[in-house]
Amino acid sequence: MYNGRVRELWLVVAVVACGSSTPAPKPVVEREPVETKPVEDPQAAEKAEREREVTAHRKIEEEQQDALGATCTDPGKHEPRCKPSCYVPEAADPRSSAAKKVKGPVEIQHLVCQRPEGGPFMVIDVLDPKLAVKPARRFGKAHKKGWQADVEAAFKPELFVITGNWREVVQPLTKERLRCANASQFAVLKKPLDACGGTGDTLCEATGNAAAHGLDVIHYRLFEARTLQSSGDTDGCQKAALEAVAVARGMPRWRQYAKLNVGQWRENARYRTRFDGVLDEDTVFANAQSLGMDAEAVFATCGGAAGAPTTAEQEQSFHTCW
């Protein structure tokens, strides 16, 4: 009995000893130090952002000023524009060299055209290379009624007399179909016709005029873009349309620059253009803006980037060395 009691006591001691043993300590894991960012000053951040915007804007302004001032005044140094095809500016009116000594009372032959859908009557002499200027023994008489009288009234106070019937003429560069009629202008010349087919009051591509050239380029590139679009050439379509967009954007900025900074702008001038005939200044720039909007739509349809992004150099290319 004693031995059994002793055995029980030993068992109790053993159980207590096992239950009260101290567990092994857990390993200590060292953590990487957490980098704390300084609290940004909202006012300082706003100031820095403004400075970045001002710097970027100043850079754009400098690029614009450089591009606006890069004018090539020598038509002989102008190079053909070849993006994507080559556009060659209009040559001098052939009558300027064929009749250098013709003065006094003269008959100046013209070609009066109108688009099939209507619109203004346009003098587009470049479509008829046989036109001439010759001495006039007597002046022709304007029509008193009929469609001829309506056309002649559009050119008063100049004396225009319709001498032929309407016929279809195709513009060779744009394939545009026009209805045209021959006409004669009677006037007294004090000096021979110039390269624009006028007496010094008309500006054109042949004399290096940038406004006339710019509008002609927009017309040509828009036609080219539409042609490439119809043939499935989206890359070429984008290139042609983007140049039309760029020139249309650059023309009004250049006019403002020329009037404010150069002081050589000719007020109340007339512009002989290749596709719209002889226009006044406001009509030249209004037509450029309208065609530019059409070109933006074509550019987008051909997969061009949103907003049709252009650079200052592209926008002012029409008055640099072409």
C-alpha atoms as a PDB file:
ATOM      1  CA  MET A   1       0.000   0.000   0.000  1.00  0.00           C
ATOM      2  CA  TYR A   2       2.783   2.404   0.787  1.00  0.00           C
ATOM      3  CA  ASN A   3       4.529   1.606  -2.434  1.00  0.00           C
ATOM      4  CA  GLY A   4       1.335   2.321  -4.427  1.00  0.00           C
ATOM      5  CA  ARG A   5       0.906   5.688  -2.716  1.00  0.00           C
ATOM      6  CA  VAL A   6       4.458   6.687  -3.507  1.00  0.00           C
ATOM      7  CA  ARG A   7       3.937   5.726  -7.146  1.00  0.00           C
ATOM      8  CA  GLU A   8       0.857   8.011  -7.422  1.00  0.00           C
ATOM      9  CA  LEU A   9       2.757  10.938  -5.929  1.00  0.00           C
ATOM     10  CA  TRP A  10       5.558  10.510  -8.493  1.00  0.00           C
ATOM     11  CA  LEU A  11       3.051  10.447 -11.315  1.00  0.00           C
ATOM     12  CA  VAL A  12       1.443  13.693 -10.127  1.00  0.00           C
ATOM     13  CA  VAL A  13       4.834  15.406  -9.837  1.00  0.00           C
ATOM     14  CA  ALA A  14       5.761  14.253 -13.352  1.00  0.00           C
ATOM     15  CA  VAL A  15       2.500  15.539 -14.842  1.00  0.00           C
ATOM     16  CA  VAL A  16       2.864  18.930 -13.103  1.00  0.00           C
ATOM     17  CA  ALA A  17       6.465  19.213 -14.211  1.00  0.00           C
ATOM     18  CA  CYS A  18       5.559  18.527 -17.826  1.00  0.00           C
ATOM     19  CA  GLY A  19       2.635  20.975 -17.834  1.00  0.00           C
ATOM     20  CA  SER A  20       4.577  23.848 -16.314  1.00  0.00           C
ATOM     21  CA  SER A  21       7.582  23.703 -18.709  1.00  0.00           C
ATOM     22  CA  THR A  22       8.440  27.166 -20.364  1.00  0.00           C
ATOM     23  CA  PRO A  23       7.812  27.242 -24.180  1.00  0.00           C
ATOM     24  CA  ALA A  24      10.709  28.106 -26.531  1.00  0.00           C
ATOM     25  CA  PRO A  25      10.869  31.813 -27.495  1.00  0.00           C
ATOM     26  CA  LYS A  26       9.682  32.772 -31.032  1.00  0.00           C
ATOM     27  CA  PRO A  27      12.313  34.069 -33.486  1.00  0.00           C
ATOM     28  CA  VAL A  28      12.414  37.848 -33.897  1.00  0.00           C
ATOM     29  CA  VAL A  29      11.775  38.998 -37.499  1.00  0.00           C
ATOM     30  CA  GLU A  30      13.516  42.237 -38.404  1.00  0.00           C
ATOM     31  CA  ARG A  31      11.371  44.567 -40.599  1.00  0.00           C
ATOM     32  CA  GLU A  32      12.650  46.856 -43.301  1.00  0.00           C
ATOM     33  CA  PRO A  33      12.435  50.530 -42.303  1.00  0.00           C
ATOM     34  CA  VAL A  34       9.387  52.249 -43.783  1.00  0.00           C
ATOM     35  CA  GLU A  35      10.269  55.265 -45.917  1.00  0.00           C
ATOM     36  CA  THR A  36       8.119  58.185 -44.961  1.00  0.00           C
ATOM     37  CA  LYS A  37       7.367  60.819 -47.626  1.00  0.00           C
ATOM     38  CA  PRO A  38       7.341  64.416 -46.592  1.00  0.00           C
ATOM     39  CA  VAL A  39       3.952  66.073 -46.704  1.00  0.00           C
ATOM     40  CA  GLU A  40       3.725  68.067 -49.976  1.00  0.00           C
ATOM     41  CA  ASP A  41       2.836  71.721 -49.729  1.00  0.00           C
ATOM     42  CA  PRO A  42      -0.263  72.257 -51.942  1.00  0.00           C
ATOM     43  CA  GLN A  43       0.697  75.836 -52.714  1.00  0.00           C
ATOM     44  CA  ALA A  44       4.222  74.846 -53.734  1.00  0.00           C
ATOM     45  CA  ALA A  45       2.862  72.075 -55.962  1.00  0.00           C
ATOM     46  CA  GLU A  46       0.438  74.474 -57.634  1.00  0.00           C
ATOM     47  CA  LYS A  47       3.213  77.001 -58.209  1.00  0.00           C
ATOM     48  CA  ALA A  48       5.461  74.341 -59.768  1.00  0.00           C
ATOM     49  CA  GLU A  49       2.651  73.232 -62.080  1.00  0.00           C
ATOM     50  CA  ARG A  50       2.032  76.814 -63.179  1.00  0.00           C
ATOM     51  CA  GLU A  51       5.719  77.261 -63.923  1.00  0.00           C
ATOM     52  CA  ARG A  52       5.717  74.112 -66.061  1.00  0.00           C
ATOM     53  CA  GLU A  53       2.683  75.347 -67.992  1.00  0.00           C
ATOM     54  CA  VAL A  54       4.233  78.771 -68.529  1.00  0.00           C
ATOM     55  CA  THR A  55       7.474  77.195 -69.764  1.00  0.00           C
ATOM     56  CA  ALA A  56       5.612  74.929 -72.178  1.00  0.00           C
ATOM     57  CA  HIS A  57       3.490  77.834 -73.442  1.00  0.00           C
ATOM     58  CA  ARG A  58       6.566  80.032 -73.890  1.00  0.00           C
ATOM     59  CA  LYS A  59       8.219  77.282 -75.933  1.00  0.00           C
ATOM     60  CA  ILE A  60       5.166  77.038 -78.192  1.00  0.00           C
ATOM     61  CA  GLU A  61       5.104  80.821 -78.613  1.00  0.00           C
ATOM     62  CA  GLU A  62       8.788  80.861 -79.544  1.00  0.00           C
ATOM     63  CA  GLU A  63       8.215  78.119 -82.111  1.00  0.00           C
ATOM     64  CA  GLN A  64       5.282  80.077 -83.544  1.00  0.00           C
ATOM     65  CA  GLN A  65       7.304  83.294 -83.777  1.00  0.00           C
ATOM     66  CA  ASP A  66      10.196  81.512 -85.493  1.00  0.00           C
ATOM     67  CA  ALA A  67       7.822  79.882 -87.959  1.00  0.00           C
ATOM     68  CA  LEU A  68       5.922  83.119 -88.615  1.00  0.00           C
ATOM     69  CA  GLY A  69       9.127  84.984 -89.363  1.00  0.00           C
ATOM     70  CA  ALA A  70      10.599  82.356 -91.679  1.00  0.00           C
ATOM     71  CA  THR A  71       9.400  83.920 -94.948  1.00  0.00           C
ATOM     72  CA  CYS A  72      10.949  83.110 -98.300  1.00  0.00           C
ATOM     73  CA  THR A  73      10.518  86.185-100.502  1.00  0.00           C
ATOM     74  CA  ASP A  74      12.219  84.855-103.635  1.00  0.00           C
ATOM     75  CA  PRO A  75       9.763  82.760-105.700  1.00  0.00           C
ATOM     76  CA  GLY A  76      12.709  81.268-107.582  1.00  0.00           C
ATOM     77  CA  LYS A  77      13.878  79.519-104.422  1.00  0.00           C
ATOM     78  CA  HIS A  78      10.565  77.896-103.668  1.00  0.00           C
ATOM     79  CA  GLU A  79      10.589  74.128-103.909  1.00  0.00           C
ATOM     80  CA  PRO A  80       7.631  71.909-104.891  1.00  0.00           C
ATOM     81  CA  ARG A  81       5.582  70.584-101.974  1.00  0.00           C
ATOM     82  CA  CYS A  82       5.762  66.795-102.141  1.00  0.00           C
ATOM     83  CA  LYS A  83       3.709  65.367 -99.254  1.00  0.00           C
ATOM     84  CA  PRO A  84       2.415  62.962-100.473  1.00  0.00           C
ATOM     85  CA  SER A  85       2.533  64.136-104.115  1.00  0.00           C
ATOM     86  CA  CYS A  86       4.232  67.200-105.567  1.00  0.00           C
ATOM     87  CA  TYR A  87       2.279  70.441-105.911  1.00  0.00           C
ATOM     88  CA  VAL A  88       3.872  73.022-108.210  1.00  0.00           C
ATOM     89  CA  PRO A  89       2.733  76.674-107.837  1.00  0.00           C
ATOM     90  CA  GLU A  90       0.940  78.334-110.727  1.00  0.00           C
ATOM     91  CA  ALA A  91       3.176  79.768-113.425  1.00  0.00           C
ATOM     92  CA  ALA A  92       3.070  83.351-114.649  1.00  0.00           C
ATOM     93  CA  ASP A  93       0.163  84.324-116.870  1.00  0.00           C
ATOM     94  CA  PRO A  94       1.328  83.708-120.468  1.00  0.00           C
ATOM     95  CA  ARG A  95      -0.250  87.014-121.591  1.00  0.00           C
ATOM     96  CA  SER A  96       2.266  88.938-119.482  1.00  0.00           C
ATOM     97  CA  SER A  97       5.132  88.012-121.790  1.00  0.00           C
ATOM     98  CA  ALA A  98       3.197  87.617-125.045  1.00  0.00           C
ATOM     99  CA  ALA A  99       1.879  91.196-125.036  1.00  0.00           C
ATOM    100  CA  LYS A 100       4.463  93.307-123.211  1.00  0.00           C
ATOM    101  CA  LYS A 101       3.940  96.348-125.416  1.00  0.00           C
ATOM    102  CA  VAL A 102       0.142  96.284-125.507  1.00  0.00           C
ATOM    103  CA  LYS A 103      -1.199  99.462-123.882  1.00  0.00           C
ATOM    104  CA  GLY A 104      -4.055 101.899-124.285  1.00  0.00           C
ATOM    105  CA  PRO A 105      -7.574 100.639-125.166  1.00  0.00           C
ATOM    106  CA  VAL A 106      -7.447  96.843-124.966  1.00  0.00           C
ATOM    107  CA  GLU A 107      -9.589  93.728-124.941  1.00  0.00           C
ATOM    108  CA  ILE A 108      -8.498  91.260-122.246  1.00  0.00           C
ATOM    109  CA  GLN A 109      -9.954  87.827-122.804  1.00  0.00           C
ATOM    110  CA  HIS A 110     -11.141  85.879-119.751  1.00  0.00           C
ATOM    111  CA  LEU A 111     -12.832  82.624-118.800  1.00  0.00           C
ATOM    112  CA  VAL A 112     -15.772  83.042-116.422  1.00  0.00           C
ATOM    113  CA  CYS A 113     -16.754  79.869-114.541  1.00  0.00           C
ATOM    114  CA  GLN A 114     -19.281  78.657-111.999  1.00  0.00           C
ATOM    115  CA  ARG A 115     -19.620  75.432-110.070  1.00  0.00           C
ATOM    116  CA  PRO A 116     -22.556  73.227-111.132  1.00  0.00           C
ATOM    117  CA  GLU A 117     -24.287  73.675-107.770  1.00  0.00           C
ATOM    118  CA  GLY A 118     -24.179  77.447-108.167  1.00  0.00           C
ATOM    119  CA  GLY A 119     -22.234  80.004-106.191  1.00  0.00           C
ATOM    120  CA  PRO A 120     -20.209  83.030-107.299  1.00  0.00           C
ATOM    121  CA  PHE A 121     -18.952  83.588-110.831  1.00  0.00           C
ATOM    122  CA  MET A 122     -15.191  83.095-110.970  1.00  0.00           C
ATOM    123  CA  VAL A 123     -12.562  84.335-113.423  1.00  0.00           C
ATOM    124  CA  ILE A 124     -10.239  81.335-113.854  1.00  0.00           C
ATOM    125  CA  ASP A 125      -8.100  82.214-116.857  1.00  0.00           C
ATOM    126  CA  VAL A 126      -5.580  79.468-116.164  1.00  0.00           C
ATOM    127  CA  LEU A 127      -8.071  76.928-117.575  1.00  0.00           C
ATOM    128  CA  ASP A 128      -7.787  78.396-121.071  1.00  0.00           C
ATOM    129  CA  PRO A 129      -4.203  78.898-122.331  1.00  0.00           C
ATOM    130  CA  LYS A 130      -5.448  80.479-125.582  1.00  0.00           C
ATOM    131  CA  LEU A 131      -6.685  83.666-123.919  1.00  0.00           C
ATOM    132  CA  ALA A 132      -5.035  86.848-125.175  1.00  0.00           C
ATOM    133  CA  VAL A 133      -4.873  90.610-124.721  1.00  0.00           C
ATOM    134  CA  LYS A 134      -5.067  92.758-127.835  1.00  0.00           C
ATOM    135  CA  PRO A 135      -5.710  96.364-128.876  1.00  0.00           C
ATOM    136  CA  ALA A 136      -9.369  97.326-129.069  1.00  0.00           C
ATOM    137  CA  ARG A 137     -10.680  99.739-131.702  1.00  0.00           C
ATOM    138  CA  ARG A 138     -13.963  99.936-129.864  1.00  0.00           C
ATOM    139  CA  PHE A 139     -15.365  98.590-126.610  1.00  0.00           C
ATOM    140  CA  GLY A 140     -17.976  95.874-126.593  1.00  0.00           C
ATOM    141  CA  LYS A 141     -21.462  96.472-125.215  1.00  0.00           C
ATOM    142  CA  ALA A 142     -22.864  94.634-122.217  1.00  0.00           C
ATOM    143  CA  HIS A 143     -26.064  92.619-122.547  1.00  0.00           C
ATOM    144  CA  LYS A 144     -29.287  94.207-121.342  1.00  0.00           C
ATOM    145  CA  LYS A 145     -31.061  90.956-120.458  1.00  0.00           C
ATOM    146  CA  GLY A 146     -30.605  87.199-120.259  1.00  0.00           C
ATOM    147  CA  TRP A 147     -28.104  85.111-118.312  1.00  0.00           C
ATOM    148  CA  GLN A 148     -25.259  87.029-119.923  1.00  0.00           C
ATOM    149  CA  ALA A 149     -26.508  90.228-118.302  1.00  0.00           C
ATOM    150  CA  ASP A 150     -26.630  88.481-114.882  1.00  0.00           C
ATOM    151  CA  VAL A 151     -23.023  87.360-115.224  1.00  0.00           C
ATOM    152  CA  GLU A 152     -21.802  90.736-116.446  1.00  0.00           C
ATOM    153  CA  ALA A 153     -23.521  92.488-113.537  1.00  0.00           C
ATOM    154  CA  ALA A 154     -21.387  90.472-111.101  1.00  0.00           C
ATOM    155  CA  PHE A 155     -18.229  92.166-112.402  1.00  0.00           C
ATOM    156  CA  LYS A 156     -19.314  95.813-112.405  1.00  0.00           C
ATOM    157  CA  PRO A 157     -17.905  98.453-112.441  1.00  0.00           C
ATOM    158  CA  GLU A 158     -15.471  96.595-114.726  1.00  0.00           C
ATOM    159  CA  LEU A 159     -16.780  96.206-118.248  1.00  0.00           C
ATOM    160  CA  PHE A 160     -17.152  92.464-118.791  1.00  0.00           C
ATOM    161  CA  VAL A 161     -18.936  91.215-121.912  1.00  0.00           C
ATOM    162  CA  ILE A 162     -19.856  87.556-122.321  1.00  0.00           C
ATOM    163  CA  THR A 163     -18.720  86.363-125.757  1.00  0.00           C
ATOM    164  CA  GLY A 164     -19.548  82.641-125.658  1.00  0.00           C
ATOM    165  CA  ASN A 165     -21.993  80.058-124.343  1.00  0.00           C
ATOM    166  CA  TRP A 166     -21.683  77.875-121.262  1.00  0.00           C
ATOM    167  CA  ARG A 167     -19.566  74.766-121.734  1.00  0.00           C
ATOM    168  CA  GLU A 168     -18.112  72.162-119.392  1.00  0.00           C
ATOM    169  CA  VAL A 169     -14.466  72.578-118.425  1.00  0.00           C
ATOM    170  CA  VAL A 170     -12.540  70.138-116.222  1.00  0.00           C
ATOM    171  CA  GLN A 171     -10.008  71.498-113.732  1.00  0.00           C
ATOM    172  CA  PRO A 172      -6.902  69.401-114.581  1.00  0.00           C
ATOM    173  CA  LEU A 173      -5.515  69.264-111.037  1.00  0.00           C
ATOM    174  CA  THR A 174      -8.674  68.471-109.076  1.00  0.00           C
ATOM    175  CA  LYS A 175     -10.818  67.003-111.900  1.00  0.00           C
ATOM    176  CA  GLU A 176     -13.577  69.341-110.766  1.00  0.00           C
ATOM    177  CA  ARG A 177     -16.204  69.946-113.450  1.00  0.00           C
ATOM    178  CA  LEU A 178     -17.154  73.577-114.010  1.00  0.00           C
ATOM    179  CA  ARG A 179     -19.390  75.373-116.456  1.00  0.00           C
ATOM    180  CA  CYS A 180     -17.517  78.187-118.141  1.00  0.00           C
ATOM    181  CA  ALA A 181     -18.029  80.844-120.786  1.00  0.00           C
ATOM    182  CA  ASN A 182     -15.602  83.100-122.606  1.00  0.00           C
ATOM    183  CA  ALA A 183     -15.753  86.805-121.818  1.00  0.00           C
ATOM    184  CA  SER A 184     -13.859  89.972-122.693  1.00  0.00           C
ATOM    185  CA  GLN A 185     -12.916  92.824-120.408  1.00  0.00           C
ATOM    186  CA  PHE A 186     -12.473  96.216-122.008  1.00  0.00           C
ATOM    187  CA  ALA A 187     -10.152  98.715-120.343  1.00  0.00           C
ATOM    188  CA  VAL A 188      -7.430 101.275-120.913  1.00  0.00           C
ATOM    189  CA  LEU A 189      -4.024  99.883-119.921  1.00  0.00           C
ATOM    190  CA  LYS A 190      -1.317 102.263-118.767  1.00  0.00           C
ATOM    191  CA  LYS A 191       1.182  99.397-118.469  1.00  0.00           C
ATOM    192  CA  PRO A 192       1.360  95.794-119.696  1.00  0.00           C
ATOM    193  CA  LEU A 193      -0.232  92.934-117.780  1.00  0.00           C
ATOM    194  CA  ASP A 194       1.874  91.487-114.978  1.00  0.00           C
ATOM    195  CA  ALA A 195       2.564  87.856-114.029  1.00  0.00           C
ATOM    196  CA  CYS A 196      -0.879  87.643-112.377  1.00  0.00           C
ATOM    197  CA  GLY A 197      -2.665  88.763-115.531  1.00  0.00           C
ATOM    198  CA  GLY A 198      -3.444  92.143-113.963  1.00  0.00           C
ATOM    199  CA  THR A 199      -2.081  95.673-113.844  1.00  0.00           C
ATOM    200  CA  GLY A 200      -0.436  95.504-110.420  1.00  0.00           C
ATOM    201  CA  ASP A 201      -3.571  95.365-108.301  1.00  0.00           C
ATOM    202  CA  THR A 202      -3.724  91.539-108.206  1.00  0.00           C
ATOM    203  CA  LEU A 203      -1.541  89.155-106.177  1.00  0.00           C
ATOM    204  CA  CYS A 204      -0.953  85.504-107.079  1.00  0.00           C
ATOM    205  CA  GLU A 205       1.283  82.449-106.709  1.00  0.00           C
ATOM    206  CA  ALA A 206       3.381  83.441-109.710  1.00  0.00           C
ATOM    207  CA  THR A 207       4.700  86.487-107.845  1.00  0.00           C
ATOM    208  CA  GLY A 208       5.278  84.527-104.631  1.00  0.00           C
ATOM    209  CA  ASN A 209       2.172  85.681-102.773  1.00  0.00           C
ATOM    210  CA  ALA A 210       1.692  83.450 -99.750  1.00  0.00           C
ATOM    211  CA  ALA A 211      -2.052  83.961 -99.226  1.00  0.00           C
ATOM    212  CA  ALA A 212      -2.935  82.891-102.767  1.00  0.00           C
ATOM    213  CA  HIS A 213      -0.512  79.986-102.499  1.00  0.00           C
ATOM    214  CA  GLY A 214      -1.926  78.899 -99.140  1.00  0.00           C
ATOM    215  CA  LEU A 215      -5.508  78.722-100.405  1.00  0.00           C
ATOM    216  CA  ASP A 216      -4.429  76.862-103.537  1.00  0.00           C
ATOM    217  CA  VAL A 217      -2.509  74.313-101.447  1.00  0.00           C
ATOM    218  CA  ILE A 218      -5.521  73.695 -99.197  1.00  0.00           C
ATOM    219  CA  HIS A 219      -7.748  73.109-102.231  1.00  0.00           C
ATOM    220  CA  TYR A 220      -5.274  70.729-103.843  1.00  0.00           C
ATOM    221  CA  ARG A 221      -4.490  68.704-100.717  1.00  0.00           C
ATOM    222  CA  LEU A 222      -8.158  68.329 -99.773  1.00  0.00           C
ATOM    223  CA  PHE A 223      -8.939  66.971-103.242  1.00  0.00           C
ATOM    224  CA  GLU A 224      -5.921  64.677-102.994  1.00  0.00           C
ATOM    225  CA  ALA A 225      -6.958  63.404 -99.557  1.00  0.00           C
ATOM    226  CA  ARG A 226     -10.459  62.570-100.785  1.00  0.00           C
ATOM    227  CA  THR A 227      -9.037  60.770-103.813  1.00  0.00           C
ATOM    228  CA  LEU A 228      -6.675  58.691-101.658  1.00  0.00           C
ATOM    229  CA  GLN A 229      -9.495  57.969 -99.230  1.00  0.00           C
ATOM    230  CA  SER A 230     -11.660  56.545-102.008  1.00  0.00           C
ATOM    231  CA  SER A 231      -8.772  54.326-103.153  1.00  0.00           C
ATOM    232  CA  GLY A 232      -8.212  52.948 -99.631  1.00  0.00           C
ATOM    233  CA  ASP A 233      -4.845  54.670 -99.065  1.00  0.00           C
ATOM    234  CA  THR A 234      -5.509  55.865 -95.503  1.00  0.00           C
ATOM    235  CA  ASP A 235      -1.872  56.779 -94.829  1.00  0.00           C
ATOM    236  CA  GLY A 236      -1.639  59.021 -97.879  1.00  0.00           C
ATOM    237  CA  CYS A 237      -5.077  60.425 -97.105  1.00  0.00           C
ATOM    238  CA  GLN A 238      -3.936  61.449 -93.631  1.00  0.00           C
ATOM    239  CA  LYS A 239      -0.780  63.143 -94.944  1.00  0.00           C
ATOM    240  CA  ALA A 240      -2.639  65.162 -97.573  1.00  0.00           C
ATOM    241  CA  ALA A 241      -5.512  66.114 -95.264  1.00  0.00           C
ATOM    242  CA  LEU A 242      -3.162  67.094 -92.439  1.00  0.00           C
ATOM    243  CA  GLU A 243      -1.261  69.530 -94.657  1.00  0.00           C
ATOM    244  CA  ALA A 244      -4.551  71.138 -95.678  1.00  0.00           C
ATOM    245  CA  VAL A 245      -5.532  71.413 -92.001  1.00  0.00           C
ATOM    246  CA  ALA A 246      -2.149  72.864 -91.030  1.00  0.00           C
ATOM    247  CA  VAL A 247      -2.142  75.571 -93.708  1.00  0.00           C
ATOM    248  CA  ALA A 248      -5.745  76.533 -92.927  1.00  0.00           C
ATOM    249  CA  ARG A 249      -4.782  76.994 -89.260  1.00  0.00           C
ATOM    250  CA  GLY A 250      -1.635  78.932 -90.034  1.00  0.00           C
ATOM    251  CA  MET A 251      -3.029  81.458 -92.521  1.00  0.00           C
ATOM    252  CA  PRO A 252      -5.001  83.686 -90.108  1.00  0.00           C
ATOM    253  CA  ARG A 253      -2.152  83.738 -87.576  1.00  0.00           C
ATOM    254  CA  TRP A 254       0.302  84.728 -90.304  1.00  0.00           C
ATOM    255  CA  ARG A 255      -1.987  87.518 -91.566  1.00  0.00           C
ATOM    256  CA  GLN A 256      -2.216  88.974 -88.057  1.00  0.00           C
ATOM    257  CA  TYR A 257       1.560  88.713 -87.625  1.00  0.00           C
ATOM    258  CA  ALA A 258       2.236  90.344 -90.989  1.00  0.00           C
ATOM    259  CA  LYS A 259      -0.108  93.244 -90.305  1.00  0.00           C
ATOM    260  CA  LEU A 260       1.220  93.902 -86.791  1.00  0.00           C
ATOM    261  CA  ASN A 261       4.938  93.203 -87.155  1.00  0.00           C
ATOM    262  CA  VAL A 262       6.012  93.516 -90.744  1.00  0.00           C
ATOM    263  CA  GLY A 263       4.072  96.558 -91.868  1.00  0.00           C
ATOM    264  CA  GLN A 264       4.162  95.493 -95.503  1.00  0.00           C
ATOM    265  CA  TRP A 265       0.661  94.083 -95.837  1.00  0.00           C
ATOM    266  CA  ARG A 266      -1.226  95.291 -98.892  1.00  0.00           C
ATOM    267  CA  GLU A 267      -4.685  96.368 -97.868  1.00  0.00           C
ATOM    268  CA  ASN A 268      -7.627  96.005-100.253  1.00  0.00           C
ATOM    269  CA  ALA A 269      -5.636  93.767-102.576  1.00  0.00           C
ATOM    270  CA  ARG A 270      -7.205  91.225-104.889  1.00  0.00           C
ATOM    271  CA  TYR A 271      -5.897  87.676-105.077  1.00  0.00           C
ATOM    272  CA  ARG A 272      -5.838  85.525-108.179  1.00  0.00           C
ATOM    273  CA  THR A 273      -6.262  81.932-107.054  1.00  0.00           C
ATOM    274  CA  ARG A 274      -6.094  78.745-109.020  1.00  0.00           C
ATOM    275  CA  PHE A 275      -9.420  77.207-108.000  1.00  0.00           C
ATOM    276  CA  ASP A 276     -11.628  80.101-106.814  1.00  0.00           C
ATOM    277  CA  GLY A 277     -10.749  82.845-109.274  1.00  0.00           C
ATOM    278  CA  VAL A 278     -10.042  86.432-108.207  1.00  0.00           C
ATOM    279  CA  LEU A 279     -11.023  87.078-104.580  1.00  0.00           C
ATOM    280  CA  ASP A 280     -10.798  89.823-102.004  1.00  0.00           C
ATOM    281  CA  GLU A 281      -8.799  89.307 -98.804  1.00  0.00           C
ATOM    282  CA  ASP A 282     -11.668  88.356 -96.510  1.00  0.00           C
ATOM    283  CA  THR A 283     -12.996  85.770 -98.966  1.00  0.00           C
ATOM    284  CA  VAL A 284      -9.556  84.177 -99.320  1.00  0.00           C
ATOM    285  CA  PHE A 285      -9.302  83.578 -95.584  1.00  0.00           C
ATOM    286  CA  ALA A 286     -12.965  82.590 -95.178  1.00  0.00           C
ATOM    287  CA  ASN A 287     -12.562  79.958 -97.916  1.00  0.00           C
ATOM    288  CA  ALA A 288      -9.375  78.686 -96.274  1.00  0.00           C
ATOM    289  CA  GLN A 289     -11.145  78.233 -92.943  1.00  0.00           C
ATOM    290  CA  SER A 290     -14.099  76.406 -94.500  1.00  0.00           C
ATOM    291  CA  LEU A 291     -11.885  74.052 -96.509  1.00  0.00           C
ATOM    292  CA  GLY A 292      -9.727  73.433 -93.436  1.00  0.00           C
ATOM    293  CA  MET A 293     -12.760  72.197 -91.519  1.00  0.00           C
ATOM    294  CA  ASP A 294     -13.580  69.835 -94.386  1.00  0.00           C
ATOM    295  CA  ALA A 295      -9.988  68.570 -94.305  1.00  0.00           C
ATOM    296  CA  GLU A 296     -10.230  67.862 -90.559  1.00  0.00           C
ATOM    297  CA  ALA A 297     -13.291  65.691 -91.198  1.00  0.00           C
ATOM    298  CA  VAL A 298     -11.492  63.765 -93.957  1.00  0.00           C
ATOM    299  CA  PHE A 299      -8.417  63.324 -91.735  1.00  0.00           C
ATOM    300  CA  ALA A 300     -10.578  61.807 -88.986  1.00  0.00           C
ATOM    301  CA  THR A 301     -12.399  59.530 -91.434  1.00  0.00           C
ATOM    302  CA  CYS A 302      -9.041  58.210 -92.657  1.00  0.00           C
ATOM    303  CA  GLY A 303      -8.092  57.243 -89.084  1.00  0.00           C
ATOM    304  CA  GLY A 304      -6.101  60.326 -88.118  1.00  0.00           C
ATOM    305  CA  ALA A 305      -5.390  61.212 -84.486  1.00  0.00           C
ATOM    306  CA  ALA A 306      -8.053  63.106 -82.580  1.00  0.00           C
ATOM    307  CA  GLY A 307      -7.854  66.851 -83.044  1.00  0.00           C
ATOM    308  CA  ALA A 308      -5.551  66.569 -86.092  1.00  0.00           C
ATOM    309  CA  PRO A 309      -2.416  67.783 -84.235  1.00  0.00           C
ATOM    310  CA  THR A 310      -0.134  70.097 -86.237  1.00  0.00           C
ATOM    311  CA  THR A 311       3.127  71.897 -85.473  1.00  0.00           C
ATOM    312  CA  ALA A 312       3.965  75.556 -85.948  1.00  0.00           C
ATOM    313  CA  GLU A 313       6.356  74.634 -88.751  1.00  0.00           C
ATOM    314  CA  GLN A 314       3.615  72.746 -90.604  1.00  0.00           C
ATOM    315  CA  GLU A 315       1.114  75.551 -90.098  1.00  0.00           C
ATOM    316  CA  GLN A 316       3.439  78.249 -91.466  1.00  0.00           C
ATOM    317  CA  SER A 317       4.980  76.221 -94.276  1.00  0.00           C
ATOM    318  CA  PHE A 318       2.946  78.009 -96.954  1.00  0.00           C
ATOM    319  CA  HIS A 319       4.969  81.245 -96.746  1.00  0.00           C
ATOM    320  CA  THR A 320       8.415  79.703 -96.303  1.00  0.00           C
ATOM    321  CA  CYS A 321      10.424  78.160 -99.144  1.00  0.00           C
ATOM    322  CA  TRP A 322       7.707  75.912-100.529  1.00  0.00           C
END
